[in-house]
Amino acid sequence: MKHIIAIIKPFKLDAVREALSALGIEGMTVSEVKGFGRQKGQTEIYRGAEYASNFIPKVKLEIAVDDSLVDQLIDTIRETAQTGNIGDGKIFVSDVTSAVRIRTGETGVDAL
């Protein structure tokens, strides 16, 4: 099993969710986050005053999947979230050693 973390632009969330649903992904955790990378923040104007914002709003998706779906899931997220502009995001993949469904006690892939 793998734990996929994808950081994407907020306006791409619905398209990515729909594409993952079409793959059969039944659940994910979504968080609103802020951060920066090569974008180095941005300048914004609020009530006529200009100020620098060091953190850019992003959306973090967390998905646990069976190993057999990892490549397809990564390709789908990348293709759907990509705009071709700086700040499109990142995808991280980590190993999951175990998973337990609290309600039923199912373990491993059955718990996903």
C-alpha atoms as a PDB file:
ATOM      1  CA  MET A   1       0.000   0.000   0.000  1.00  0.00           C
ATOM      2  CA  LYS A   2       1.082   3.557  -0.654  1.00  0.00           C
ATOM      3  CA  HIS A   3       0.188   6.937   0.830  1.00  0.00           C
ATOM      4  CA  ILE A   4      -0.065   9.572  -1.892  1.00  0.00           C
ATOM      5  CA  ILE A   5       0.158  13.241  -0.939  1.00  0.00           C
ATOM      6  CA  ALA A   6      -0.560  15.716  -3.716  1.00  0.00           C
ATOM      7  CA  ILE A   7      -0.292  19.474  -3.340  1.00  0.00           C
ATOM      8  CA  ILE A   8      -2.298  21.184  -6.107  1.00  0.00           C
ATOM      9  CA  LYS A   9      -3.855  24.517  -7.029  1.00  0.00           C
ATOM     10  CA  PRO A  10      -7.256  24.963  -5.340  1.00  0.00           C
ATOM     11  CA  PHE A  11      -9.223  25.526  -8.550  1.00  0.00           C
ATOM     12  CA  LYS A  12      -8.090  22.101  -9.832  1.00  0.00           C
ATOM     13  CA  LEU A  13      -9.611  20.176  -6.901  1.00  0.00           C
ATOM     14  CA  ASP A  14     -12.984  19.333  -8.485  1.00  0.00           C
ATOM     15  CA  ALA A  15     -11.431  18.138 -11.739  1.00  0.00           C
ATOM     16  CA  VAL A  16      -8.910  15.952  -9.890  1.00  0.00           C
ATOM     17  CA  ARG A  17     -11.609  14.520  -7.597  1.00  0.00           C
ATOM     18  CA  GLU A  18     -13.810  13.627 -10.570  1.00  0.00           C
ATOM     19  CA  ALA A  19     -10.902  12.010 -12.430  1.00  0.00           C
ATOM     20  CA  LEU A  20      -9.939   9.959  -9.362  1.00  0.00           C
ATOM     21  CA  SER A  21     -13.555   8.893  -8.826  1.00  0.00           C
ATOM     22  CA  ALA A  22     -13.566   7.597 -12.407  1.00  0.00           C
ATOM     23  CA  LEU A  23     -10.530   5.457 -11.465  1.00  0.00           C
ATOM     24  CA  GLY A  24     -12.479   3.941  -8.585  1.00  0.00           C
ATOM     25  CA  ILE A  25     -10.826   5.914  -5.784  1.00  0.00           C
ATOM     26  CA  GLU A  26     -13.481   5.912  -3.078  1.00  0.00           C
ATOM     27  CA  GLY A  27     -11.953   8.183  -0.483  1.00  0.00           C
ATOM     28  CA  MET A  28      -9.417  10.885   0.161  1.00  0.00           C
ATOM     29  CA  THR A  29      -8.624  13.534   2.706  1.00  0.00           C
ATOM     30  CA  VAL A  30      -8.513  17.142   1.512  1.00  0.00           C
ATOM     31  CA  SER A  31      -6.926  20.012   3.453  1.00  0.00           C
ATOM     32  CA  GLU A  32      -6.543  23.682   2.631  1.00  0.00           C
ATOM     33  CA  VAL A  33      -2.884  24.525   3.124  1.00  0.00           C
ATOM     34  CA  LYS A  34      -0.471  27.372   2.409  1.00  0.00           C
ATOM     35  CA  GLY A  35       3.102  27.143   1.275  1.00  0.00           C
ATOM     36  CA  PHE A  36       5.666  28.236  -1.266  1.00  0.00           C
ATOM     37  CA  GLY A  37       8.213  26.753  -3.583  1.00  0.00           C
ATOM     38  CA  ARG A  38       9.666  28.306  -6.688  1.00  0.00           C
ATOM     39  CA  GLN A  39       6.802  30.818  -6.744  1.00  0.00           C
ATOM     40  CA  LYS A  40       8.395  32.603  -3.766  1.00  0.00           C
ATOM     41  CA  GLY A  41       5.088  34.095  -2.695  1.00  0.00           C
ATOM     42  CA  GLN A  42       3.108  36.798  -4.427  1.00  0.00           C
ATOM     43  CA  THR A  43       2.219  40.458  -4.129  1.00  0.00           C
ATOM     44  CA  GLU A  44      -1.415  41.274  -3.380  1.00  0.00           C
ATOM     45  CA  ILE A  45      -3.419  44.469  -3.011  1.00  0.00           C
ATOM     46  CA  TYR A  46      -5.859  44.735  -0.115  1.00  0.00           C
ATOM     47  CA  ARG A  47      -7.908  47.911   0.369  1.00  0.00           C
ATOM     48  CA  GLY A  48      -5.512  49.859  -1.783  1.00  0.00           C
ATOM     49  CA  ALA A  49      -2.386  48.765   0.071  1.00  0.00           C
ATOM     50  CA  GLU A  50       0.103  46.418  -1.574  1.00  0.00           C
ATOM     51  CA  TYR A  51       1.651  43.694   0.545  1.00  0.00           C
ATOM     52  CA  ALA A  52       3.699  40.563  -0.022  1.00  0.00           C
ATOM     53  CA  SER A  53       2.202  37.206   0.823  1.00  0.00           C
ATOM     54  CA  ASN A  54       4.926  34.646   1.454  1.00  0.00           C
ATOM     55  CA  PHE A  55       2.560  31.686   1.367  1.00  0.00           C
ATOM     56  CA  ILE A  56       0.391  30.625  -1.572  1.00  0.00           C
ATOM     57  CA  PRO A  57      -2.974  28.882  -0.928  1.00  0.00           C
ATOM     58  CA  LYS A  58      -2.924  25.256  -2.058  1.00  0.00           C
ATOM     59  CA  VAL A  59      -4.957  22.095  -1.521  1.00  0.00           C
ATOM     60  CA  LYS A  60      -3.408  18.927  -0.085  1.00  0.00           C
ATOM     61  CA  LEU A  61      -4.907  15.568  -1.084  1.00  0.00           C
ATOM     62  CA  GLU A  62      -4.044  12.454   0.890  1.00  0.00           C
ATOM     63  CA  ILE A  63      -4.963   9.089  -0.560  1.00  0.00           C
ATOM     64  CA  ALA A  64      -4.071   5.562   0.532  1.00  0.00           C
ATOM     65  CA  VAL A  65      -4.126   3.039  -2.332  1.00  0.00           C
ATOM     66  CA  ASP A  66      -3.095  -0.468  -3.254  1.00  0.00           C
ATOM     67  CA  ASP A  67       0.311  -0.668  -4.954  1.00  0.00           C
ATOM     68  CA  SER A  68      -1.321  -1.697  -8.244  1.00  0.00           C
ATOM     69  CA  LEU A  69      -3.050   1.712  -8.591  1.00  0.00           C
ATOM     70  CA  VAL A  70      -0.121   3.989  -7.759  1.00  0.00           C
ATOM     71  CA  ASP A  71       1.202   4.710 -11.258  1.00  0.00           C
ATOM     72  CA  GLN A  72      -2.264   5.243 -12.708  1.00  0.00           C
ATOM     73  CA  LEU A  73      -3.245   7.504  -9.808  1.00  0.00           C
ATOM     74  CA  ILE A  74      -0.091   9.621 -10.133  1.00  0.00           C
ATOM     75  CA  ASP A  75      -0.563   9.992 -13.899  1.00  0.00           C
ATOM     76  CA  THR A  76      -4.204  11.002 -13.415  1.00  0.00           C
ATOM     77  CA  ILE A  77      -3.402  13.632 -10.781  1.00  0.00           C
ATOM     78  CA  ARG A  78      -0.510  15.016 -12.824  1.00  0.00           C
ATOM     79  CA  GLU A  79      -2.475  15.232 -16.066  1.00  0.00           C
ATOM     80  CA  THR A  80      -5.579  16.713 -14.417  1.00  0.00           C
ATOM     81  CA  ALA A  81      -3.865  19.231 -12.127  1.00  0.00           C
ATOM     82  CA  GLN A  82      -1.284  20.447 -14.634  1.00  0.00           C
ATOM     83  CA  THR A  83      -1.644  23.977 -16.030  1.00  0.00           C
ATOM     84  CA  GLY A  84       1.884  24.276 -17.372  1.00  0.00           C
ATOM     85  CA  ASN A  85       2.617  27.220 -15.092  1.00  0.00           C
ATOM     86  CA  ILE A  86       4.904  27.448 -12.107  1.00  0.00           C
ATOM     87  CA  GLY A  87       3.189  26.379  -8.881  1.00  0.00           C
ATOM     88  CA  ASP A  88       1.224  23.414 -10.263  1.00  0.00           C
ATOM     89  CA  GLY A  89       2.287  21.416  -7.214  1.00  0.00           C
ATOM     90  CA  LYS A  90       3.979  18.201  -6.165  1.00  0.00           C
ATOM     91  CA  ILE A  91       3.098  14.544  -5.602  1.00  0.00           C
ATOM     92  CA  PHE A  92       4.774  12.523  -2.849  1.00  0.00           C
ATOM     93  CA  VAL A  93       4.573   8.737  -2.427  1.00  0.00           C
ATOM     94  CA  SER A  94       5.263   6.902   0.837  1.00  0.00           C
ATOM     95  CA  ASP A  95       4.940   3.293   1.925  1.00  0.00           C
ATOM     96  CA  VAL A  96       2.080   2.325   4.232  1.00  0.00           C
ATOM     97  CA  THR A  97       2.968  -0.604   6.467  1.00  0.00           C
ATOM     98  CA  SER A  98      -0.539  -1.191   7.785  1.00  0.00           C
ATOM     99  CA  ALA A  99      -4.067   0.167   7.735  1.00  0.00           C
ATOM    100  CA  VAL A 100      -7.022  -0.618  10.011  1.00  0.00           C
ATOM    101  CA  ARG A 101     -10.654   0.295   9.463  1.00  0.00           C
ATOM    102  CA  ILE A 102     -11.841   1.378  12.907  1.00  0.00           C
ATOM    103  CA  ARG A 103     -15.497   0.430  12.420  1.00  0.00           C
ATOM    104  CA  THR A 104     -14.965  -3.179  11.257  1.00  0.00           C
ATOM    105  CA  GLY A 105     -11.411  -4.012  12.264  1.00  0.00           C
ATOM    106  CA  GLU A 106     -10.495  -4.858   8.654  1.00  0.00           C
ATOM    107  CA  THR A 107      -6.777  -4.569   7.954  1.00  0.00           C
ATOM    108  CA  GLY A 108      -4.480  -4.051   5.012  1.00  0.00           C
ATOM    109  CA  VAL A 109      -5.931  -3.322   1.571  1.00  0.00           C
ATOM    110  CA  ASP A 110      -9.404  -4.372   2.804  1.00  0.00           C
ATOM    111  CA  ALA A 111      -9.327  -1.389   5.158  1.00  0.00           C
ATOM    112  CA  LEU A 112      -8.919   1.072   2.310  1.00  0.00           C
END
